[in-house]
Amino acid sequence: MSKQAFSVFSPVELTSSVVFASPHSGSDYDSAFLQTSILDAQQIRSSEDAFVDQLFADVTRFGAPLLTAHKPRAFLDLNRAIEELDPALIEGVSRRGPNPRVASGLGVIPRVVANGRAIYRGKMQQQEAHQRIQQYWHPYHTALQGLMRQAQGRFGHAILIDCHSMPHEAVATLPARGAAPPEVVLGDRFGSSAGTVVMDQVEAAFVGAGLRVARNAPFAGAYITRTYGRPSRGQHAVQVEIDRSLYMNETEVCPNENFAAFRELLGQVAGVIAGIKTDETNLPLAAE
């Protein structure tokens, strides 16, 4: 089993306060993991934000770093807190109270993939769960924290663009209200994880590229935006969800004929986002 948790792609010169990250595009499905699953190699990829890391690969050209995870979401969900352990999956874990994510099988160690399909036949030992967290969750978040500190130290503020993809059906089934469904959903937890000036500029970048954009519905952001978004301290976090049908065949989990053109379009969007300016100066850090 590979023990490398992430990759950081750094620009030749850091000129942007923006950090791009892709926590769910990992595709290192090692044989040991696949052997524990009742799903085949195609089914288990249904929760993966496939190719999102490739879509944003050009951000280093604009002076911004890109952080990508190696392990897939089905193995470990980096957008969950380490306390979100599922008692229905992991032996000896006690129930902590209502948690809809854990209850639905989408804790830090997922029990299911898309459409509620079970990953495992039985339960997992706590030691295995904690080993995954220690080897892959902590290193990824340590790297992300470091990139955010680097940006804020250089520019006085830091902006995290947390890059994801969403199944087409997630937006296709939204109430129409006379308009076509969004192609991009931006989440700032209803204003709590990013300042208005930042969020407006991120939205304008996508709209300027001709994409339909919605905010916070049906996705407002989860652990990462909640943890890294502290606008009052000059730390902003925006979750970006992109309709998978724009660039990939969701059934076959492969790029479609529009992939290259859409990747180029997102490169232009990323270039605009990397140039976002705020009116913030260096802010004194308060004790947590």
C-alpha atoms as a PDB file:
ATOM      1  CA  MET A   1       0.000   0.000   0.000  1.00  0.00           C
ATOM      2  CA  SER A   2       1.308   3.419  -0.986  1.00  0.00           C
ATOM      3  CA  LYS A   3       1.903   5.642   2.024  1.00  0.00           C
ATOM      4  CA  GLN A   4       2.081   8.891   0.065  1.00  0.00           C
ATOM      5  CA  ALA A   5      -0.940  10.914   1.141  1.00  0.00           C
ATOM      6  CA  PHE A   6      -0.787  13.906  -1.179  1.00  0.00           C
ATOM      7  CA  SER A   7       1.072  15.902  -3.794  1.00  0.00           C
ATOM      8  CA  VAL A   8       1.743  19.629  -3.791  1.00  0.00           C
ATOM      9  CA  PHE A   9       2.301  21.333  -7.134  1.00  0.00           C
ATOM     10  CA  SER A  10       4.001  24.658  -6.501  1.00  0.00           C
ATOM     11  CA  PRO A  11       4.398  27.636  -8.822  1.00  0.00           C
ATOM     12  CA  VAL A  12       7.822  28.827  -9.854  1.00  0.00           C
ATOM     13  CA  GLU A  13       7.032  31.991  -7.907  1.00  0.00           C
ATOM     14  CA  LEU A  14       4.229  32.393  -5.377  1.00  0.00           C
ATOM     15  CA  THR A  15       2.284  35.435  -6.555  1.00  0.00           C
ATOM     16  CA  SER A  16      -1.241  34.515  -5.459  1.00  0.00           C
ATOM     17  CA  SER A  17      -2.887  34.308  -2.055  1.00  0.00           C
ATOM     18  CA  VAL A  18      -5.131  31.527  -3.383  1.00  0.00           C
ATOM     19  CA  VAL A  19      -4.611  27.860  -2.514  1.00  0.00           C
ATOM     20  CA  PHE A  20      -6.356  25.317  -4.733  1.00  0.00           C
ATOM     21  CA  ALA A  21      -6.995  21.860  -3.264  1.00  0.00           C
ATOM     22  CA  SER A  22      -8.686  18.672  -4.453  1.00  0.00           C
ATOM     23  CA  PRO A  23      -9.396  16.286  -1.549  1.00  0.00           C
ATOM     24  CA  HIS A  24     -11.680  13.834  -3.389  1.00  0.00           C
ATOM     25  CA  SER A  25      -9.939  13.176  -6.733  1.00  0.00           C
ATOM     26  CA  GLY A  26      -7.537  10.560  -5.368  1.00  0.00           C
ATOM     27  CA  SER A  27      -7.535   7.347  -7.388  1.00  0.00           C
ATOM     28  CA  ASP A  28      -4.996   5.120  -5.625  1.00  0.00           C
ATOM     29  CA  TYR A  29      -7.218   2.058  -5.234  1.00  0.00           C
ATOM     30  CA  ASP A  30      -4.611  -0.427  -4.082  1.00  0.00           C
ATOM     31  CA  SER A  31      -5.356  -4.138  -4.314  1.00  0.00           C
ATOM     32  CA  ALA A  32      -5.566  -4.640  -0.534  1.00  0.00           C
ATOM     33  CA  PHE A  33      -8.397  -2.113  -0.283  1.00  0.00           C
ATOM     34  CA  LEU A  34     -10.250  -3.476  -3.302  1.00  0.00           C
ATOM     35  CA  GLN A  35     -10.088  -6.995  -1.873  1.00  0.00           C
ATOM     36  CA  THR A  36     -11.971  -5.849   1.232  1.00  0.00           C
ATOM     37  CA  SER A  37     -14.811  -4.389  -0.845  1.00  0.00           C
ATOM     38  CA  ILE A  38     -17.877  -6.058  -2.304  1.00  0.00           C
ATOM     39  CA  LEU A  39     -17.927  -3.461  -5.096  1.00  0.00           C
ATOM     40  CA  ASP A  40     -16.140  -3.873  -8.396  1.00  0.00           C
ATOM     41  CA  ALA A  41     -13.429  -1.505  -9.582  1.00  0.00           C
ATOM     42  CA  GLN A  42     -15.956   0.621 -11.491  1.00  0.00           C
ATOM     43  CA  GLN A  43     -18.669   0.874  -8.835  1.00  0.00           C
ATOM     44  CA  ILE A  44     -16.282   1.923  -6.091  1.00  0.00           C
ATOM     45  CA  ARG A  45     -15.302   5.022  -8.082  1.00  0.00           C
ATOM     46  CA  SER A  46     -18.806   6.506  -8.044  1.00  0.00           C
ATOM     47  CA  SER A  47     -18.018   8.793  -5.079  1.00  0.00           C
ATOM     48  CA  GLU A  48     -14.700   9.956  -6.540  1.00  0.00           C
ATOM     49  CA  ASP A  49     -14.324  13.487  -7.869  1.00  0.00           C
ATOM     50  CA  ALA A  50     -12.627  11.959 -10.869  1.00  0.00           C
ATOM     51  CA  PHE A  51     -10.221  14.159 -12.875  1.00  0.00           C
ATOM     52  CA  VAL A  52     -10.825  17.303 -10.805  1.00  0.00           C
ATOM     53  CA  ASP A  53      -7.114  17.424 -10.048  1.00  0.00           C
ATOM     54  CA  GLN A  54      -6.450  17.439 -13.798  1.00  0.00           C
ATOM     55  CA  LEU A  55      -9.010  20.157 -14.431  1.00  0.00           C
ATOM     56  CA  PHE A  56      -7.158  22.498 -12.072  1.00  0.00           C
ATOM     57  CA  ALA A  57      -3.627  21.384 -12.936  1.00  0.00           C
ATOM     58  CA  ASP A  58      -2.752  24.691 -14.617  1.00  0.00           C
ATOM     59  CA  VAL A  59      -3.158  26.840 -11.516  1.00  0.00           C
ATOM     60  CA  THR A  60       0.591  26.896 -10.893  1.00  0.00           C
ATOM     61  CA  ARG A  61       0.921  29.002 -14.059  1.00  0.00           C
ATOM     62  CA  PHE A  62      -0.914  31.741 -12.197  1.00  0.00           C
ATOM     63  CA  GLY A  63       1.330  31.737  -9.145  1.00  0.00           C
ATOM     64  CA  ALA A  64      -0.871  29.507  -6.968  1.00  0.00           C
ATOM     65  CA  PRO A  65      -0.219  26.046  -5.484  1.00  0.00           C
ATOM     66  CA  LEU A  66      -2.381  22.950  -5.955  1.00  0.00           C
ATOM     67  CA  LEU A  67      -2.767  20.264  -3.281  1.00  0.00           C
ATOM     68  CA  THR A  68      -4.153  16.883  -4.368  1.00  0.00           C
ATOM     69  CA  ALA A  69      -4.981  13.767  -2.360  1.00  0.00           C
ATOM     70  CA  HIS A  70      -3.855  10.325  -3.453  1.00  0.00           C
ATOM     71  CA  LYS A  71      -6.284   8.030  -1.659  1.00  0.00           C
ATOM     72  CA  PRO A  72      -9.879   7.889  -2.896  1.00  0.00           C
ATOM     73  CA  ARG A  73     -12.868   9.187  -0.998  1.00  0.00           C
ATOM     74  CA  ALA A  74     -14.237   5.634  -0.662  1.00  0.00           C
ATOM     75  CA  PHE A  75     -11.136   4.793   1.395  1.00  0.00           C
ATOM     76  CA  LEU A  76     -10.988   7.967   3.512  1.00  0.00           C
ATOM     77  CA  ASP A  77     -12.974  11.186   3.349  1.00  0.00           C
ATOM     78  CA  LEU A  78     -10.731  14.185   3.930  1.00  0.00           C
ATOM     79  CA  ASN A  79     -13.763  16.461   4.066  1.00  0.00           C
ATOM     80  CA  ARG A  80     -14.917  14.952   7.361  1.00  0.00           C
ATOM     81  CA  ALA A  81     -13.738  15.417  10.927  1.00  0.00           C
ATOM     82  CA  ILE A  82     -11.719  12.565  12.411  1.00  0.00           C
ATOM     83  CA  GLU A  83     -14.375  12.204  15.111  1.00  0.00           C
ATOM     84  CA  GLU A  84     -16.984  11.266  12.496  1.00  0.00           C
ATOM     85  CA  LEU A  85     -16.473   7.526  12.924  1.00  0.00           C
ATOM     86  CA  ASP A  86     -19.364   5.271  11.920  1.00  0.00           C
ATOM     87  CA  PRO A  87     -20.440   2.759  14.612  1.00  0.00           C
ATOM     88  CA  ALA A  88     -22.254   0.773  11.927  1.00  0.00           C
ATOM     89  CA  LEU A  89     -18.904   0.148  10.220  1.00  0.00           C
ATOM     90  CA  ILE A  90     -16.169   0.329  12.861  1.00  0.00           C
ATOM     91  CA  GLU A  91     -16.033  -2.101  15.775  1.00  0.00           C
ATOM     92  CA  GLY A  92     -16.210  -0.593  19.237  1.00  0.00           C
ATOM     93  CA  VAL A  93     -17.193   2.935  18.203  1.00  0.00           C
ATOM     94  CA  SER A  94     -19.890   4.385  20.413  1.00  0.00           C
ATOM     95  CA  ARG A  95     -22.646   6.617  19.101  1.00  0.00           C
ATOM     96  CA  ARG A  96     -21.960  10.300  19.732  1.00  0.00           C
ATOM     97  CA  GLY A  97     -25.397  11.722  19.030  1.00  0.00           C
ATOM     98  CA  PRO A  98     -27.222  12.707  15.833  1.00  0.00           C
ATOM     99  CA  ASN A  99     -24.959  13.130  12.814  1.00  0.00           C
ATOM    100  CA  PRO A 100     -26.745  12.811   9.457  1.00  0.00           C
ATOM    101  CA  ARG A 101     -23.496  12.277   7.540  1.00  0.00           C
ATOM    102  CA  VAL A 102     -22.387   9.380   9.708  1.00  0.00           C
ATOM    103  CA  ALA A 103     -25.907   7.953   9.872  1.00  0.00           C
ATOM    104  CA  SER A 104     -26.060   7.852   6.071  1.00  0.00           C
ATOM    105  CA  GLY A 105     -22.716   6.024   5.883  1.00  0.00           C
ATOM    106  CA  LEU A 106     -20.627   9.054   4.900  1.00  0.00           C
ATOM    107  CA  GLY A 107     -18.319   9.451   7.872  1.00  0.00           C
ATOM    108  CA  VAL A 108     -14.558   9.929   7.733  1.00  0.00           C
ATOM    109  CA  ILE A 109     -14.288   6.233   6.797  1.00  0.00           C
ATOM    110  CA  PRO A 110     -17.240   5.871   4.410  1.00  0.00           C
ATOM    111  CA  ARG A 111     -19.507   2.843   4.681  1.00  0.00           C
ATOM    112  CA  VAL A 112     -21.181   3.496   1.319  1.00  0.00           C
ATOM    113  CA  VAL A 113     -20.495   5.090  -2.039  1.00  0.00           C
ATOM    114  CA  ALA A 114     -22.975   6.971  -4.234  1.00  0.00           C
ATOM    115  CA  ASN A 115     -26.589   5.820  -4.120  1.00  0.00           C
ATOM    116  CA  GLY A 116     -26.005   4.152  -0.769  1.00  0.00           C
ATOM    117  CA  ARG A 117     -24.142   1.099  -2.077  1.00  0.00           C
ATOM    118  CA  ALA A 118     -22.254  -0.655   0.699  1.00  0.00           C
ATOM    119  CA  ILE A 119     -18.474  -0.838   0.362  1.00  0.00           C
ATOM    120  CA  TYR A 120     -17.764  -3.673   2.818  1.00  0.00           C
ATOM    121  CA  ARG A 121     -19.304  -6.996   3.791  1.00  0.00           C
ATOM    122  CA  GLY A 122     -18.867  -6.538   7.521  1.00  0.00           C
ATOM    123  CA  LYS A 123     -17.243  -4.305  10.090  1.00  0.00           C
ATOM    124  CA  MET A 124     -13.740  -2.857  10.377  1.00  0.00           C
ATOM    125  CA  GLN A 125     -11.426  -2.878  13.362  1.00  0.00           C
ATOM    126  CA  GLN A 126     -10.772   0.470  15.045  1.00  0.00           C
ATOM    127  CA  GLN A 127      -7.053   0.008  14.535  1.00  0.00           C
ATOM    128  CA  GLU A 128      -7.515  -0.006  10.760  1.00  0.00           C
ATOM    129  CA  ALA A 129      -9.646   3.140  10.862  1.00  0.00           C
ATOM    130  CA  HIS A 130      -7.152   5.005  13.040  1.00  0.00           C
ATOM    131  CA  GLN A 131      -4.257   3.857  10.853  1.00  0.00           C
ATOM    132  CA  ARG A 132      -5.901   5.360   7.769  1.00  0.00           C
ATOM    133  CA  ILE A 133      -6.473   8.623   9.587  1.00  0.00           C
ATOM    134  CA  GLN A 134      -2.902   8.742  10.872  1.00  0.00           C
ATOM    135  CA  GLN A 135      -1.277   7.891   7.518  1.00  0.00           C
ATOM    136  CA  TYR A 136      -3.448   9.923   5.158  1.00  0.00           C
ATOM    137  CA  TRP A 137      -5.834  12.375   6.880  1.00  0.00           C
ATOM    138  CA  HIS A 138      -3.334  14.102   9.144  1.00  0.00           C
ATOM    139  CA  PRO A 139      -0.612  14.572   6.484  1.00  0.00           C
ATOM    140  CA  TYR A 140      -3.082  16.070   3.993  1.00  0.00           C
ATOM    141  CA  HIS A 141      -4.445  18.565   6.478  1.00  0.00           C
ATOM    142  CA  THR A 142      -0.981  19.412   7.783  1.00  0.00           C
ATOM    143  CA  ALA A 143       0.008  20.245   4.205  1.00  0.00           C
ATOM    144  CA  LEU A 144      -3.143  22.313   3.656  1.00  0.00           C
ATOM    145  CA  GLN A 145      -2.585  24.250   6.875  1.00  0.00           C
ATOM    146  CA  GLY A 146       0.981  24.939   5.786  1.00  0.00           C
ATOM    147  CA  LEU A 147      -0.097  26.296   2.402  1.00  0.00           C
ATOM    148  CA  MET A 148      -2.689  28.544   4.016  1.00  0.00           C
ATOM    149  CA  ARG A 149      -0.142  29.871   6.513  1.00  0.00           C
ATOM    150  CA  GLN A 150       2.321  30.486   3.698  1.00  0.00           C
ATOM    151  CA  ALA A 151      -0.227  32.495   1.719  1.00  0.00           C
ATOM    152  CA  GLN A 152      -1.346  34.541   4.692  1.00  0.00           C
ATOM    153  CA  GLY A 153       2.220  35.193   5.771  1.00  0.00           C
ATOM    154  CA  ARG A 154       3.064  36.510   2.309  1.00  0.00           C
ATOM    155  CA  PHE A 155      -0.108  38.417   1.424  1.00  0.00           C
ATOM    156  CA  GLY A 156      -1.872  39.097   4.713  1.00  0.00           C
ATOM    157  CA  HIS A 157      -4.771  36.810   3.813  1.00  0.00           C
ATOM    158  CA  ALA A 158      -5.362  33.366   2.338  1.00  0.00           C
ATOM    159  CA  ILE A 159      -8.128  32.067   0.062  1.00  0.00           C
ATOM    160  CA  LEU A 160      -8.827  28.335  -0.209  1.00  0.00           C
ATOM    161  CA  ILE A 161     -10.624  27.057  -3.300  1.00  0.00           C
ATOM    162  CA  ASP A 162     -11.776  23.571  -2.289  1.00  0.00           C
ATOM    163  CA  CYS A 163     -12.350  21.813  -5.617  1.00  0.00           C
ATOM    164  CA  HIS A 164     -15.036  19.143  -6.026  1.00  0.00           C
ATOM    165  CA  SER A 165     -17.401  17.660  -8.584  1.00  0.00           C
ATOM    166  CA  MET A 166     -21.047  16.663  -8.274  1.00  0.00           C
ATOM    167  CA  PRO A 167     -23.204  14.099 -10.060  1.00  0.00           C
ATOM    168  CA  HIS A 168     -25.340  15.669 -12.760  1.00  0.00           C
ATOM    169  CA  GLU A 169     -28.459  14.301 -11.081  1.00  0.00           C
ATOM    170  CA  ALA A 170     -27.682  16.375  -7.969  1.00  0.00           C
ATOM    171  CA  VAL A 171     -28.582  19.538  -9.856  1.00  0.00           C
ATOM    172  CA  ALA A 172     -30.781  18.139 -12.625  1.00  0.00           C
ATOM    173  CA  THR A 173     -33.454  17.281 -10.071  1.00  0.00           C
ATOM    174  CA  LEU A 174     -33.505  20.713  -8.419  1.00  0.00           C
ATOM    175  CA  PRO A 175     -36.725  22.744  -8.741  1.00  0.00           C
ATOM    176  CA  ALA A 176     -36.448  24.504 -12.096  1.00  0.00           C
ATOM    177  CA  ARG A 177     -38.164  27.805 -11.212  1.00  0.00           C
ATOM    178  CA  GLY A 178     -38.031  28.703 -14.883  1.00  0.00           C
ATOM    179  CA  ALA A 179     -34.242  28.518 -15.167  1.00  0.00           C
ATOM    180  CA  ALA A 180     -31.735  25.889 -16.238  1.00  0.00           C
ATOM    181  CA  PRO A 181     -29.970  24.108 -13.351  1.00  0.00           C
ATOM    182  CA  PRO A 182     -26.593  25.417 -12.188  1.00  0.00           C
ATOM    183  CA  GLU A 183     -23.391  23.975 -13.608  1.00  0.00           C
ATOM    184  CA  VAL A 184     -21.293  25.180 -10.677  1.00  0.00           C
ATOM    185  CA  VAL A 185     -22.341  25.407  -7.032  1.00  0.00           C
ATOM    186  CA  LEU A 186     -20.246  27.601  -4.757  1.00  0.00           C
ATOM    187  CA  GLY A 187     -20.400  27.003  -1.017  1.00  0.00           C
ATOM    188  CA  ASP A 188     -19.351  29.454   1.674  1.00  0.00           C
ATOM    189  CA  ARG A 189     -21.618  28.076   4.396  1.00  0.00           C
ATOM    190  CA  PHE A 190     -24.027  30.933   3.813  1.00  0.00           C
ATOM    191  CA  GLY A 191     -21.389  33.595   4.272  1.00  0.00           C
ATOM    192  CA  SER A 192     -19.583  32.181   7.274  1.00  0.00           C
ATOM    193  CA  SER A 193     -16.490  30.755   5.535  1.00  0.00           C
ATOM    194  CA  ALA A 194     -15.627  33.542   3.074  1.00  0.00           C
ATOM    195  CA  GLY A 195     -15.988  37.273   2.893  1.00  0.00           C
ATOM    196  CA  THR A 196     -18.491  38.799   0.490  1.00  0.00           C
ATOM    197  CA  VAL A 197     -15.746  40.472  -1.552  1.00  0.00           C
ATOM    198  CA  VAL A 198     -14.021  37.120  -2.095  1.00  0.00           C
ATOM    199  CA  MET A 199     -17.179  35.152  -2.817  1.00  0.00           C
ATOM    200  CA  ASP A 200     -18.424  37.724  -5.307  1.00  0.00           C
ATOM    201  CA  GLN A 201     -15.155  37.591  -7.227  1.00  0.00           C
ATOM    202  CA  VAL A 202     -15.093  33.773  -7.302  1.00  0.00           C
ATOM    203  CA  GLU A 203     -18.644  33.732  -8.634  1.00  0.00           C
ATOM    204  CA  ALA A 204     -17.834  36.418 -11.219  1.00  0.00           C
ATOM    205  CA  ALA A 205     -14.933  34.313 -12.516  1.00  0.00           C
ATOM    206  CA  PHE A 206     -17.227  31.377 -13.301  1.00  0.00           C
ATOM    207  CA  VAL A 207     -20.070  33.521 -14.626  1.00  0.00           C
ATOM    208  CA  GLY A 208     -17.611  35.383 -16.834  1.00  0.00           C
ATOM    209  CA  ALA A 209     -16.689  32.046 -18.416  1.00  0.00           C
ATOM    210  CA  GLY A 210     -20.323  31.473 -19.345  1.00  0.00           C
ATOM    211  CA  LEU A 211     -21.170  28.994 -16.589  1.00  0.00           C
ATOM    212  CA  ARG A 212     -24.408  28.957 -14.610  1.00  0.00           C
ATOM    213  CA  VAL A 213     -23.641  29.405 -10.919  1.00  0.00           C
ATOM    214  CA  ALA A 214     -25.612  28.900  -7.704  1.00  0.00           C
ATOM    215  CA  ARG A 215     -24.621  29.492  -4.106  1.00  0.00           C
ATOM    216  CA  ASN A 216     -24.946  27.081  -1.193  1.00  0.00           C
ATOM    217  CA  ALA A 217     -27.659  24.871  -2.684  1.00  0.00           C
ATOM    218  CA  PRO A 218     -27.541  21.960  -2.774  1.00  0.00           C
ATOM    219  CA  PHE A 219     -23.983  22.104  -1.357  1.00  0.00           C
ATOM    220  CA  ALA A 220     -22.894  24.735   1.151  1.00  0.00           C
ATOM    221  CA  GLY A 221     -19.564  23.250   2.240  1.00  0.00           C
ATOM    222  CA  ALA A 222     -18.529  20.717   4.848  1.00  0.00           C
ATOM    223  CA  TYR A 223     -15.601  20.124   7.224  1.00  0.00           C
ATOM    224  CA  ILE A 224     -12.943  21.837   5.114  1.00  0.00           C
ATOM    225  CA  THR A 225     -14.785  25.099   4.533  1.00  0.00           C
ATOM    226  CA  ARG A 226     -15.971  25.126   8.143  1.00  0.00           C
ATOM    227  CA  THR A 227     -12.436  24.594   9.448  1.00  0.00           C
ATOM    228  CA  TYR A 228     -10.370  26.763   7.102  1.00  0.00           C
ATOM    229  CA  GLY A 229     -12.833  29.583   6.499  1.00  0.00           C
ATOM    230  CA  ARG A 230     -12.343  32.337   9.085  1.00  0.00           C
ATOM    231  CA  PRO A 231     -13.002  35.588   7.253  1.00  0.00           C
ATOM    232  CA  SER A 232     -12.525  37.738  10.340  1.00  0.00           C
ATOM    233  CA  ARG A 233      -8.947  36.466  10.457  1.00  0.00           C
ATOM    234  CA  GLY A 234      -8.271  36.907   6.762  1.00  0.00           C
ATOM    235  CA  GLN A 235      -8.781  33.209   5.975  1.00  0.00           C
ATOM    236  CA  HIS A 236     -11.418  32.476   3.351  1.00  0.00           C
ATOM    237  CA  ALA A 237     -12.648  29.110   2.078  1.00  0.00           C
ATOM    238  CA  VAL A 238     -14.974  28.492  -0.863  1.00  0.00           C
ATOM    239  CA  GLN A 239     -16.147  25.055  -1.928  1.00  0.00           C
ATOM    240  CA  VAL A 240     -16.535  24.602  -5.689  1.00  0.00           C
ATOM    241  CA  GLU A 241     -18.795  21.837  -7.025  1.00  0.00           C
ATOM    242  CA  ILE A 242     -18.739  21.256 -10.789  1.00  0.00           C
ATOM    243  CA  ASP A 243     -21.306  19.233 -12.729  1.00  0.00           C
ATOM    244  CA  ARG A 244     -19.475  16.075 -13.829  1.00  0.00           C
ATOM    245  CA  SER A 245     -21.453  15.771 -17.052  1.00  0.00           C
ATOM    246  CA  LEU A 246     -19.644  18.851 -18.366  1.00  0.00           C
ATOM    247  CA  TYR A 247     -16.394  16.943 -18.783  1.00  0.00           C
ATOM    248  CA  MET A 248     -16.814  13.219 -18.114  1.00  0.00           C
ATOM    249  CA  ASN A 249     -18.912  10.124 -18.744  1.00  0.00           C
ATOM    250  CA  GLU A 250     -20.247   9.434 -15.265  1.00  0.00           C
ATOM    251  CA  THR A 251     -21.173   5.827 -15.992  1.00  0.00           C
ATOM    252  CA  GLU A 252     -17.808   4.831 -17.428  1.00  0.00           C
ATOM    253  CA  VAL A 253     -15.807   7.236 -15.210  1.00  0.00           C
ATOM    254  CA  CYS A 254     -13.766   8.551 -18.113  1.00  0.00           C
ATOM    255  CA  PRO A 255     -13.269  11.940 -19.759  1.00  0.00           C
ATOM    256  CA  ASN A 256     -15.802  12.807 -22.447  1.00  0.00           C
ATOM    257  CA  GLU A 257     -15.250  14.600 -25.740  1.00  0.00           C
ATOM    258  CA  ASN A 258     -15.553  17.985 -24.012  1.00  0.00           C
ATOM    259  CA  PHE A 259     -12.836  17.345 -21.441  1.00  0.00           C
ATOM    260  CA  ALA A 260      -9.960  19.211 -23.109  1.00  0.00           C
ATOM    261  CA  ALA A 261     -12.069  22.272 -23.909  1.00  0.00           C
ATOM    262  CA  PHE A 262     -13.567  22.385 -20.435  1.00  0.00           C
ATOM    263  CA  ARG A 263     -10.158  21.990 -18.828  1.00  0.00           C
ATOM    264  CA  GLU A 264      -8.953  24.994 -20.846  1.00  0.00           C
ATOM    265  CA  LEU A 265     -12.018  26.982 -19.783  1.00  0.00           C
ATOM    266  CA  LEU A 266     -11.411  26.176 -16.117  1.00  0.00           C
ATOM    267  CA  GLY A 267      -7.801  27.213 -16.558  1.00  0.00           C
ATOM    268  CA  GLN A 268      -9.048  30.662 -17.551  1.00  0.00           C
ATOM    269  CA  VAL A 269     -11.379  30.722 -14.540  1.00  0.00           C
ATOM    270  CA  ALA A 270      -8.552  29.681 -12.232  1.00  0.00           C
ATOM    271  CA  GLY A 271      -6.374  32.447 -13.639  1.00  0.00           C
ATOM    272  CA  VAL A 272      -8.992  35.037 -12.723  1.00  0.00           C
ATOM    273  CA  ILE A 273      -9.497  33.541  -9.250  1.00  0.00           C
ATOM    274  CA  ALA A 274      -5.751  33.461  -8.616  1.00  0.00           C
ATOM    275  CA  GLY A 275      -5.733  37.214  -9.163  1.00  0.00           C
ATOM    276  CA  ILE A 276      -8.426  37.946  -6.573  1.00  0.00           C
ATOM    277  CA  LYS A 277      -7.633  40.954  -4.428  1.00  0.00           C
ATOM    278  CA  THR A 278      -9.125  41.769  -1.057  1.00  0.00           C
ATOM    279  CA  ASP A 279      -9.010  44.964   0.920  1.00  0.00           C
ATOM    280  CA  GLU A 280      -7.345  43.166   3.819  1.00  0.00           C
ATOM    281  CA  THR A 281      -3.952  43.908   5.221  1.00  0.00           C
ATOM    282  CA  ASN A 282      -2.063  41.774   7.695  1.00  0.00           C
ATOM    283  CA  LEU A 283      -4.469  40.972  10.484  1.00  0.00           C
ATOM    284  CA  PRO A 284      -3.345  40.165  14.026  1.00  0.00           C
ATOM    285  CA  LEU A 285      -4.057  36.549  14.876  1.00  0.00           C
ATOM    286  CA  ALA A 286      -6.315  36.090  17.875  1.00  0.00           C
ATOM    287  CA  ALA A 287      -5.922  33.223  20.299  1.00  0.00           C
ATOM    288  CA  GLU A 288      -8.162  30.281  19.399  1.00  0.00           C
END
